[in-house]
């Protein structure tokens, strides 16, 4: 699991964290694609690097103190693992 904190006014495009997964199988299976399992328009993930960035304005008053992302790492055989990214939204007002 990952636990991070961001300010509610973080600029769109800001990298907030990077998830990492290691597949110890043969070389071709070591290629992992990342995705966000939640239906969200607030964050996006780079499918190759695992970098999570801000996609839209974050408003703590609308979202709340915490936002959770379920991130899936899948290999070429469609085997996958999941982790949760817990995002603490900090108030700036």
C-alpha atoms as a PDB file:
ATOM      1  CA  UNK A   1       0.000   0.000   0.000  1.00  0.00           C
ATOM      2  CA  UNK A   2       0.998   3.599  -0.532  1.00  0.00           C
ATOM      3  CA  UNK A   3       0.065   6.543   1.693  1.00  0.00           C
ATOM      4  CA  UNK A   4       0.675  10.053   0.405  1.00  0.00           C
ATOM      5  CA  UNK A   5      -0.488  13.592   1.135  1.00  0.00           C
ATOM      6  CA  UNK A   6      -1.186  16.326  -1.393  1.00  0.00           C
ATOM      7  CA  UNK A   7      -2.488  19.876  -1.101  1.00  0.00           C
ATOM      8  CA  UNK A   8      -5.948  20.440  -2.502  1.00  0.00           C
ATOM      9  CA  UNK A   9      -4.653  23.050  -4.962  1.00  0.00           C
ATOM     10  CA  UNK A  10      -1.914  20.864  -6.462  1.00  0.00           C
ATOM     11  CA  UNK A  11      -1.472  21.851 -10.140  1.00  0.00           C
ATOM     12  CA  UNK A  12      -2.883  19.625 -12.870  1.00  0.00           C
ATOM     13  CA  UNK A  13      -0.099  17.442 -14.279  1.00  0.00           C
ATOM     14  CA  UNK A  14       1.776  17.165 -10.970  1.00  0.00           C
ATOM     15  CA  UNK A  15       3.286  13.732 -10.314  1.00  0.00           C
ATOM     16  CA  UNK A  16       2.096  12.644  -6.878  1.00  0.00           C
ATOM     17  CA  UNK A  17       3.687   9.194  -6.587  1.00  0.00           C
ATOM     18  CA  UNK A  18       4.952   6.178  -8.494  1.00  0.00           C
ATOM     19  CA  UNK A  19       3.846   2.605  -7.908  1.00  0.00           C
ATOM     20  CA  UNK A  20       6.180  -0.266  -8.596  1.00  0.00           C
ATOM     21  CA  UNK A  21       5.628  -3.944  -9.272  1.00  0.00           C
ATOM     22  CA  UNK A  22       8.177  -6.664  -9.970  1.00  0.00           C
ATOM     23  CA  UNK A  23       7.303  -9.821 -11.860  1.00  0.00           C
ATOM     24  CA  UNK A  24      10.005 -12.440 -11.322  1.00  0.00           C
ATOM     25  CA  UNK A  25       8.855 -14.693 -14.193  1.00  0.00           C
ATOM     26  CA  UNK A  26      10.595 -15.030 -17.534  1.00  0.00           C
ATOM     27  CA  UNK A  27      11.710 -11.877 -19.310  1.00  0.00           C
ATOM     28  CA  UNK A  28       8.564 -11.346 -21.389  1.00  0.00           C
ATOM     29  CA  UNK A  29       6.340 -11.672 -18.321  1.00  0.00           C
ATOM     30  CA  UNK A  30       8.349  -9.017 -16.514  1.00  0.00           C
ATOM     31  CA  UNK A  31       6.616  -6.374 -18.599  1.00  0.00           C
ATOM     32  CA  UNK A  32       3.944  -4.915 -16.342  1.00  0.00           C
ATOM     33  CA  UNK A  33       1.123  -2.586 -17.343  1.00  0.00           C
ATOM     34  CA  UNK A  34      -0.428  -0.368 -14.682  1.00  0.00           C
ATOM     35  CA  UNK A  35      -4.007   0.838 -14.532  1.00  0.00           C
ATOM     36  CA  UNK A  36      -6.340   2.534 -12.077  1.00  0.00           C
ATOM     37  CA  UNK A  37      -9.260   0.285 -11.260  1.00  0.00           C
ATOM     38  CA  UNK A  38     -11.440   3.119  -9.905  1.00  0.00           C
ATOM     39  CA  UNK A  39     -13.610   5.176 -12.187  1.00  0.00           C
ATOM     40  CA  UNK A  40     -11.960   8.545 -11.520  1.00  0.00           C
ATOM     41  CA  UNK A  41     -11.281  11.715 -13.463  1.00  0.00           C
ATOM     42  CA  UNK A  42      -8.995  13.123 -10.757  1.00  0.00           C
ATOM     43  CA  UNK A  43      -5.851  11.080 -11.355  1.00  0.00           C
ATOM     44  CA  UNK A  44      -4.234   9.105 -14.151  1.00  0.00           C
ATOM     45  CA  UNK A  45      -1.452   6.549 -14.235  1.00  0.00           C
ATOM     46  CA  UNK A  46       1.199   5.985 -16.867  1.00  0.00           C
ATOM     47  CA  UNK A  47       0.692   2.365 -17.897  1.00  0.00           C
ATOM     48  CA  UNK A  48       4.429   1.705 -18.309  1.00  0.00           C
ATOM     49  CA  UNK A  49       6.130   3.748 -15.565  1.00  0.00           C
ATOM     50  CA  UNK A  50       3.479   3.641 -12.832  1.00  0.00           C
ATOM     51  CA  UNK A  51       3.650   7.417 -12.358  1.00  0.00           C
ATOM     52  CA  UNK A  52       0.409   8.821 -10.974  1.00  0.00           C
ATOM     53  CA  UNK A  53      -0.417  12.409 -11.901  1.00  0.00           C
ATOM     54  CA  UNK A  54      -3.174  14.891 -11.156  1.00  0.00           C
ATOM     55  CA  UNK A  55      -5.704  15.023 -13.992  1.00  0.00           C
ATOM     56  CA  UNK A  56      -8.190  17.624 -12.670  1.00  0.00           C
ATOM     57  CA  UNK A  57      -8.585  20.194  -9.911  1.00  0.00           C
ATOM     58  CA  UNK A  58      -8.595  18.691  -6.419  1.00  0.00           C
ATOM     59  CA  UNK A  59     -11.131  20.283  -4.067  1.00  0.00           C
ATOM     60  CA  UNK A  60     -11.019  18.871  -0.541  1.00  0.00           C
ATOM     61  CA  UNK A  61     -14.448  20.283   0.284  1.00  0.00           C
ATOM     62  CA  UNK A  62     -15.961  18.152  -2.512  1.00  0.00           C
ATOM     63  CA  UNK A  63     -13.726  15.072  -2.259  1.00  0.00           C
ATOM     64  CA  UNK A  64     -13.125  14.850   1.469  1.00  0.00           C
ATOM     65  CA  UNK A  65      -9.960  14.256   3.479  1.00  0.00           C
ATOM     66  CA  UNK A  66      -9.034  10.972   1.808  1.00  0.00           C
ATOM     67  CA  UNK A  67      -9.234   9.526  -1.686  1.00  0.00           C
ATOM     68  CA  UNK A  68      -8.309   5.920  -2.417  1.00  0.00           C
ATOM     69  CA  UNK A  69      -7.070   4.566  -5.726  1.00  0.00           C
ATOM     70  CA  UNK A  70      -6.967   0.867  -6.532  1.00  0.00           C
ATOM     71  CA  UNK A  71      -3.995   0.281  -8.831  1.00  0.00           C
ATOM     72  CA  UNK A  72      -3.634  -2.911 -10.834  1.00  0.00           C
ATOM     73  CA  UNK A  73      -0.312  -4.231 -12.204  1.00  0.00           C
ATOM     74  CA  UNK A  74      -0.860  -6.827 -14.936  1.00  0.00           C
ATOM     75  CA  UNK A  75       1.644  -8.892 -16.913  1.00  0.00           C
ATOM     76  CA  UNK A  76       1.382 -10.239 -20.450  1.00  0.00           C
ATOM     77  CA  UNK A  77      -0.369 -13.411 -19.202  1.00  0.00           C
ATOM     78  CA  UNK A  78      -3.107 -11.233 -17.626  1.00  0.00           C
ATOM     79  CA  UNK A  79      -1.949 -12.196 -14.151  1.00  0.00           C
ATOM     80  CA  UNK A  80      -2.234  -9.204 -11.869  1.00  0.00           C
ATOM     81  CA  UNK A  81      -1.861  -7.828  -8.400  1.00  0.00           C
ATOM     82  CA  UNK A  82      -3.518  -4.821  -6.813  1.00  0.00           C
ATOM     83  CA  UNK A  83      -2.540  -2.223  -4.284  1.00  0.00           C
ATOM     84  CA  UNK A  84      -4.275   0.735  -2.719  1.00  0.00           C
ATOM     85  CA  UNK A  85      -2.919   4.281  -2.934  1.00  0.00           C
ATOM     86  CA  UNK A  86      -4.315   6.262   0.010  1.00  0.00           C
ATOM     87  CA  UNK A  87      -4.262   9.982  -0.790  1.00  0.00           C
ATOM     88  CA  UNK A  88      -4.691  12.436   2.065  1.00  0.00           C
ATOM     89  CA  UNK A  89      -6.081  15.722   0.716  1.00  0.00           C
ATOM     90  CA  UNK A  90      -4.687  18.629   2.755  1.00  0.00           C
ATOM     91  CA  UNK A  91      -6.785  21.750   3.275  1.00  0.00           C
ATOM     92  CA  UNK A  92      -5.180  25.021   2.236  1.00  0.00           C
ATOM     93  CA  UNK A  93      -8.040  27.373   3.120  1.00  0.00           C
END
